[in-house]
Amino acid sequence: MNEPLLQIELPGIPKIKSGKVREVFDLGDSLLFVASDRISAFDCVMPNGIPRKGEVLTRISHFWFEQTSSFQPNHLLCKAGEPLPTQLQPFADQLERRSMIVKKAQPLAIECVVRGYVAGSGWKDYQKTGAICGINLPPGLKESSELPEPIFTPATKAETGHDENISFEEAVQVVGKDIAEQARTASLKLYNFARDYARQRGIIIADTKFEFGIFEGQLLLIDEVLTPDSSRFWPADQYEPGRSQPSFDKQFVRDYLETLDWDKQPPAPALPENVVAKTQEKYFEAYQRLTGHSL
C-alpha cells in the first residue's frame, strides 16, 4: 500500500489555510485546493492517514462539478486532468489527482446541509423534539427512515469542534434573506439530482453538506462536493430502517476507535493496518460505483 500524503508544503507558494484534510494555497488570481490523505474522527485528526483518500475526494468532487455545471455554477477554473500551471509543475508528484485550481470566491458563513433521511444529529434532534432544525416532521419515523421530502438544515461553521445546527431564520440573519434562499434552492436541487443518480448506482445519499461562495455577485458551488467525507453514503442493498446503516466513509475508523479506552481528545491513536485497508476499500468502492471507473 502506498504511503499516505499527510503534509503538503509548496515552497514559494503561500499557504493560507490548513484544515483537517485540505490545504489552501494562494496563486495570486486564484486558489489551489489540495486534499491530503489525512482522516479525522470525533474532531481529531489521526496520526496516520488513508493512502490515496485525497485523490478519491478530489476526483469525486470533479465528477460532481462536471455533472451539475449545467444548472449550478461552480468555482473550478481547470477540469480534472488538465496540466498544472508552470509554477506548480515542480510539485506535480504531490498535486496530481488531488488538487483543484479555483476562483477566489468568498465562502458563505453557513454550512448548507440537506437531509433526505433521519440520521446522525438529525435523528437525535427528532427523538427529542419531533423536528430537525425546527422543521416539524411526521410522528413515528424510525432511525434511518426516508423523509417525505428532503429538508434544508443549515449549520454554523465551527473552526474547532462541531458545527451547530441552526434554523433557516437564523441562517437568514447570518447571510441575508436573498443569499439564504438562493443557497437553499441550490442545495435542494443539487441533492435531488445526486440522490437520484447515486440510487441508480446502488448508493443512498442520506444527507450531505454543500459549501457555497460569492464570486462577482454570483453564488458558486465550492470546496468538495458529495464525497464520502461531506455526505452520508449508504449501500442501497443493505438499507434497513430502524437502525444505523453501514456506510462508505469512516465507519471502520469510528468503530475501531469506539473499542479503545480513548477520551476522544488529542492526541489520537494510530490506526492499525487492517482498519486503514478496509477504510481505503470503502472510499475506492464509492468512487467506482459513482463514476463507473476504478482507481
Protein backbone atom coordinates (compact mmCIF):
# COMPACT_ATOMS: atom_id res chain seq x y z
CA MET A 1 0.00 0.00 0.00
CA ASN A 2 1.29 3.48 -0.86
CA GLU A 3 2.39 5.81 1.91
CA PRO A 4 -0.32 8.40 2.72
CA LEU A 5 0.43 12.03 1.92
CA LEU A 6 -0.17 13.78 5.23
CA GLN A 7 1.67 17.10 4.93
CA ILE A 8 1.76 19.31 1.85
CA GLU A 9 4.27 22.15 1.59
CA LEU A 10 4.94 24.03 -1.66
CA PRO A 11 7.98 26.27 -1.14
CA GLY A 12 7.37 29.69 -2.66
CA ILE A 13 3.57 29.21 -2.79
CA PRO A 14 1.89 30.83 0.24
CA LYS A 15 -0.41 28.57 2.23
CA ILE A 16 -3.41 30.49 3.53
CA LYS A 17 -5.38 27.76 5.27
CA SER A 18 -4.82 24.26 6.63
CA GLY A 19 -7.93 22.27 7.51
CA LYS A 20 -8.42 18.74 8.82
CA VAL A 21 -7.97 17.38 5.30
CA ARG A 22 -7.41 20.25 2.85
CA GLU A 23 -4.63 22.76 2.32
CA VAL A 24 -5.38 26.03 0.53
CA PHE A 25 -2.65 27.97 -1.29
CA ASP A 26 -2.74 31.44 -2.86
CA LEU A 27 -1.83 31.54 -6.55
CA GLY A 28 -2.45 35.27 -6.89
CA ASP A 29 -5.54 35.45 -9.08
CA SER A 30 -6.79 32.01 -8.00
CA LEU A 31 -6.58 29.46 -5.20
CA LEU A 32 -5.13 25.97 -5.09
CA PHE A 33 -7.03 23.38 -3.04
CA VAL A 34 -5.09 20.22 -2.20
CA ALA A 35 -6.69 17.24 -0.46
CA SER A 36 -4.28 15.34 1.80
CA ASP A 37 -4.72 11.74 2.92
CA ARG A 38 -5.43 12.81 6.50
CA ILE A 39 -8.53 11.40 8.16
CA SER A 40 -10.35 12.73 11.20
CA ALA A 41 -12.88 11.21 13.55
CA PHE A 42 -14.58 12.74 16.56
CA ASP A 43 -12.98 16.04 15.51
CA CYS A 44 -9.46 14.64 15.93
CA VAL A 45 -7.01 14.06 13.08
CA MET A 46 -5.49 10.59 13.17
CA PRO A 47 -1.65 10.41 13.16
CA ASN A 48 -1.71 8.12 10.12
CA GLY A 49 -3.94 8.58 7.10
CA ILE A 50 -5.65 6.60 4.34
CA PRO A 51 -3.44 6.30 1.22
CA ARG A 52 -4.98 7.99 -1.87
CA LYS A 53 -8.00 9.26 0.10
CA GLY A 54 -7.32 12.82 -1.05
CA GLU A 55 -7.26 11.60 -4.63
CA VAL A 56 -10.68 9.95 -4.18
CA LEU A 57 -12.19 13.09 -2.63
CA THR A 58 -10.84 15.30 -5.41
CA ARG A 59 -11.88 13.01 -8.24
CA ILE A 60 -15.40 12.58 -6.86
CA SER A 61 -15.71 16.35 -6.46
CA HIS A 62 -14.53 16.93 -10.04
CA PHE A 63 -17.07 14.32 -11.18
CA TRP A 64 -20.00 16.07 -9.46
CA PHE A 65 -18.88 19.54 -10.54
CA GLU A 66 -18.99 18.28 -14.12
CA GLN A 67 -22.34 16.54 -13.68
CA THR A 68 -24.03 19.61 -12.19
CA SER A 69 -22.37 22.50 -14.05
CA SER A 70 -25.31 22.83 -16.47
CA PHE A 71 -27.57 24.06 -13.66
CA GLN A 72 -25.22 25.13 -10.85
CA PRO A 73 -22.15 27.34 -11.46
CA ASN A 74 -19.05 26.28 -9.51
CA HIS A 75 -15.60 27.60 -8.67
CA LEU A 76 -13.46 25.33 -10.88
CA LEU A 77 -11.02 27.02 -13.24
CA CYS A 78 -9.45 23.82 -14.57
CA LYS A 79 -11.00 20.49 -15.41
CA ALA A 80 -9.68 17.23 -14.00
CA GLY A 81 -6.66 16.01 -15.94
CA GLU A 82 -5.61 19.41 -17.33
CA PRO A 83 -1.88 20.11 -16.94
CA LEU A 84 -0.70 22.06 -13.93
CA PRO A 85 0.39 25.69 -14.41
CA THR A 86 4.14 26.20 -14.84
CA GLN A 87 4.63 27.45 -11.27
CA LEU A 88 3.17 24.21 -9.89
CA GLN A 89 4.98 21.76 -12.18
CA PRO A 90 7.84 21.20 -9.69
CA PHE A 91 5.26 19.88 -7.20
CA ALA A 92 3.43 17.58 -9.62
CA ASP A 93 4.13 14.46 -7.53
CA GLN A 94 2.22 15.95 -4.61
CA LEU A 95 -0.53 17.66 -6.58
CA GLU A 96 -1.55 15.34 -9.40
CA ARG A 97 -5.08 13.94 -9.00
CA ARG A 98 -5.59 15.59 -5.61
CA SER A 99 -5.71 19.32 -6.40
CA MET A 100 -8.14 21.88 -7.79
CA ILE A 101 -7.42 25.39 -9.10
CA VAL A 102 -10.43 27.54 -8.27
CA LYS A 103 -11.83 31.05 -8.29
CA LYS A 104 -11.36 33.22 -5.22
CA ALA A 105 -14.95 33.06 -4.03
CA GLN A 106 -15.94 34.46 -0.63
CA PRO A 107 -17.35 31.47 1.30
CA LEU A 108 -20.74 31.81 2.97
CA ALA A 109 -20.60 31.76 6.76
CA ILE A 110 -23.03 28.81 6.88
CA GLU A 111 -22.87 25.13 6.00
CA CYS A 112 -25.66 24.11 3.63
CA VAL A 113 -26.88 20.72 4.78
CA VAL A 114 -29.60 18.70 3.06
CA ARG A 115 -31.13 15.66 4.72
CA GLY A 116 -33.17 13.04 2.92
CA TYR A 117 -33.14 10.53 5.77
CA VAL A 118 -33.27 10.70 9.57
CA ALA A 119 -29.72 10.03 10.76
CA GLY A 120 -26.92 11.38 12.91
CA SER A 121 -27.66 14.61 14.78
CA GLY A 122 -30.97 14.80 12.90
CA TRP A 123 -32.12 11.53 14.48
CA LYS A 124 -31.14 12.80 17.95
CA ASP A 125 -32.99 16.07 17.30
CA TYR A 126 -36.08 14.23 16.05
CA GLN A 127 -36.18 11.93 19.08
CA LYS A 128 -36.16 14.92 21.43
CA THR A 129 -38.39 17.35 19.56
CA GLY A 130 -40.18 15.60 16.68
CA ALA A 131 -38.38 18.07 14.41
CA ILE A 132 -34.99 18.63 12.81
CA CYS A 133 -33.59 22.17 12.98
CA GLY A 134 -37.08 23.46 13.74
CA ILE A 135 -38.70 21.69 10.78
CA ASN A 136 -41.59 19.59 12.12
CA LEU A 137 -41.69 16.03 10.81
CA PRO A 138 -44.33 13.27 10.85
CA PRO A 139 -44.52 11.21 14.07
CA GLY A 140 -43.33 7.61 14.14
CA LEU A 141 -40.22 7.90 11.98
CA LYS A 142 -37.53 5.33 12.75
CA GLU A 143 -33.78 5.83 12.72
CA SER A 144 -32.66 6.00 9.05
CA SER A 145 -36.24 6.47 7.78
CA GLU A 146 -36.55 8.34 4.48
CA LEU A 147 -38.15 11.75 4.93
CA PRO A 148 -41.32 12.64 2.99
CA GLU A 149 -39.15 15.14 1.12
CA PRO A 150 -35.57 16.39 1.60
CA ILE A 151 -35.10 19.27 4.05
CA PHE A 152 -32.55 22.08 4.17
CA THR A 153 -30.93 22.30 7.61
CA PRO A 154 -28.14 24.89 7.72
CA ALA A 155 -25.39 24.95 10.31
CA THR A 156 -22.84 27.38 11.63
CA LYS A 157 -19.18 26.88 10.76
CA ALA A 158 -17.03 25.92 13.71
CA GLU A 159 -13.28 26.41 13.45
CA THR A 160 -12.91 23.79 16.19
CA GLY A 161 -15.40 21.21 17.39
CA HIS A 162 -18.78 20.52 15.85
CA ASP A 163 -20.81 22.74 13.56
CA GLU A 164 -24.06 23.79 15.22
CA ASN A 165 -27.42 23.22 13.53
CA ILE A 166 -29.47 26.39 13.10
CA SER A 167 -32.89 27.25 11.73
CA PHE A 168 -33.39 28.78 8.31
CA GLU A 169 -34.39 32.03 10.02
CA GLU A 170 -31.06 32.09 11.83
CA ALA A 171 -29.26 31.43 8.54
CA VAL A 172 -31.05 34.47 7.09
CA GLN A 173 -29.66 36.57 9.93
CA VAL A 174 -26.13 35.37 9.09
CA VAL A 175 -26.05 35.71 5.27
CA GLY A 176 -29.17 37.73 4.40
CA LYS A 177 -32.54 36.62 3.03
CA ASP A 178 -31.67 36.63 -0.67
CA ILE A 179 -28.46 34.58 -0.32
CA ALA A 180 -30.05 32.16 2.17
CA GLU A 181 -32.94 31.50 -0.21
CA GLN A 182 -30.58 31.05 -3.17
CA ALA A 183 -28.44 28.63 -1.15
CA ARG A 184 -31.47 26.63 -0.01
CA THR A 185 -32.87 26.33 -3.54
CA ALA A 186 -29.49 25.35 -4.99
CA SER A 187 -28.78 22.84 -2.20
CA LEU A 188 -32.09 21.03 -2.61
CA LYS A 189 -31.74 20.91 -6.40
CA LEU A 190 -28.21 19.51 -6.15
CA TYR A 191 -29.22 16.94 -3.56
CA ASN A 192 -32.24 15.73 -5.53
CA PHE A 193 -30.12 15.34 -8.67
CA ALA A 194 -27.33 13.49 -6.87
CA ARG A 195 -29.70 11.29 -4.83
CA ASP A 196 -31.46 10.03 -7.96
CA TYR A 197 -28.17 9.49 -9.81
CA ALA A 198 -26.49 7.65 -6.93
CA ARG A 199 -29.52 5.47 -6.20
CA GLN A 200 -29.25 4.01 -9.70
CA ARG A 201 -25.69 3.00 -8.78
CA GLY A 202 -26.51 1.33 -5.50
CA ILE A 203 -25.75 4.24 -3.16
CA ILE A 204 -28.23 6.06 -0.92
CA ILE A 205 -27.12 9.62 -0.15
CA ALA A 206 -28.75 10.04 3.25
CA ASP A 207 -27.53 13.59 3.75
CA THR A 208 -24.81 15.90 2.53
CA LYS A 209 -23.13 19.23 3.20
CA PHE A 210 -22.59 21.80 0.46
CA GLU A 211 -20.35 24.85 0.54
CA PHE A 212 -21.17 27.97 -1.45
CA GLY A 213 -19.28 31.19 -2.07
CA ILE A 214 -19.89 34.52 -3.76
CA PHE A 215 -17.77 35.48 -6.75
CA GLU A 216 -18.52 38.61 -8.78
CA GLY A 217 -22.03 38.69 -7.34
CA GLN A 218 -22.82 35.08 -8.27
CA LEU A 219 -23.45 32.15 -5.93
CA LEU A 220 -20.94 29.38 -6.73
CA LEU A 221 -20.72 25.79 -5.51
CA ILE A 222 -17.26 25.47 -3.92
CA ASP A 223 -14.95 23.17 -1.95
CA GLU A 224 -15.66 19.42 -2.08
CA VAL A 225 -18.97 18.06 -3.37
CA LEU A 226 -20.90 14.91 -2.47
CA THR A 227 -17.91 12.93 -1.25
CA PRO A 228 -17.86 10.26 1.48
CA ASP A 229 -16.38 12.94 3.78
CA SER A 230 -19.12 15.53 3.20
CA SER A 231 -22.02 13.08 2.85
CA ARG A 232 -23.54 10.00 4.41
CA PHE A 233 -23.38 7.28 1.74
CA TRP A 234 -25.21 4.00 2.44
CA PRO A 235 -25.19 0.81 0.33
CA ALA A 236 -28.74 0.57 -1.02
CA ASP A 237 -28.81 -3.23 -0.93
CA GLN A 238 -28.23 -3.24 2.84
CA TYR A 239 -30.64 -0.44 3.72
CA GLU A 240 -33.00 -1.24 6.58
CA PRO A 241 -34.83 1.48 8.54
CA GLY A 242 -34.84 1.19 12.32
CA ARG A 243 -31.06 1.02 12.83
CA SER A 244 -27.87 2.78 11.87
CA GLN A 245 -26.64 1.82 8.40
CA PRO A 246 -23.30 0.57 7.08
CA SER A 247 -21.60 3.37 5.18
CA PHE A 248 -18.92 4.25 2.65
CA ASP A 249 -16.86 6.56 4.79
CA LYS A 250 -15.10 6.48 8.16
CA GLN A 251 -17.23 3.70 9.63
CA PHE A 252 -14.31 1.32 10.20
CA VAL A 253 -12.31 4.13 11.81
CA ARG A 254 -15.12 5.15 14.16
CA ASP A 255 -15.99 1.54 15.02
CA TYR A 256 -12.36 0.80 15.86
CA LEU A 257 -11.96 3.94 17.98
CA GLU A 258 -15.09 3.09 19.96
CA THR A 259 -13.40 -0.12 21.14
CA LEU A 260 -10.50 1.80 22.69
CA ASP A 261 -10.07 3.37 26.08
CA TRP A 262 -9.61 6.80 24.46
CA ASP A 263 -11.26 10.01 25.65
CA LYS A 264 -11.67 11.35 22.08
CA GLN A 265 -9.23 14.16 22.80
CA PRO A 266 -5.91 14.77 21.01
CA PRO A 267 -3.55 13.10 20.52
CA ALA A 268 -5.50 10.49 18.58
CA PRO A 269 -4.27 6.87 18.44
CA ALA A 270 -2.70 5.43 15.29
CA LEU A 271 -4.96 3.25 13.14
CA PRO A 272 -3.96 -0.40 12.57
CA GLU A 273 -3.25 -1.57 9.04
CA ASN A 274 -6.46 -3.58 8.68
CA VAL A 275 -8.61 -0.55 9.58
CA VAL A 276 -6.68 1.61 7.10
CA ALA A 277 -7.08 -1.02 4.36
CA LYS A 278 -10.83 -1.50 4.94
CA THR A 279 -11.42 2.24 5.01
CA GLN A 280 -9.47 2.76 1.78
CA GLU A 281 -11.51 -0.03 0.19
CA LYS A 282 -14.76 1.78 1.01
CA TYR A 283 -13.54 5.10 -0.43
CA PHE A 284 -12.44 3.31 -3.61
CA GLU A 285 -15.77 1.48 -3.86
CA ALA A 286 -17.73 4.73 -3.55
CA TYR A 287 -15.67 6.25 -6.36
CA GLN A 288 -16.10 3.22 -8.59
CA ARG A 289 -19.85 2.99 -8.05
CA LEU A 290 -20.45 6.68 -8.69
CA THR A 291 -18.18 7.19 -11.67
CA GLY A 292 -18.01 3.74 -13.23
CA HIS A 293 -14.19 3.95 -13.16
CA SER A 294 -11.69 2.12 -10.98
CA LEU A 295 -8.67 3.65 -9.26
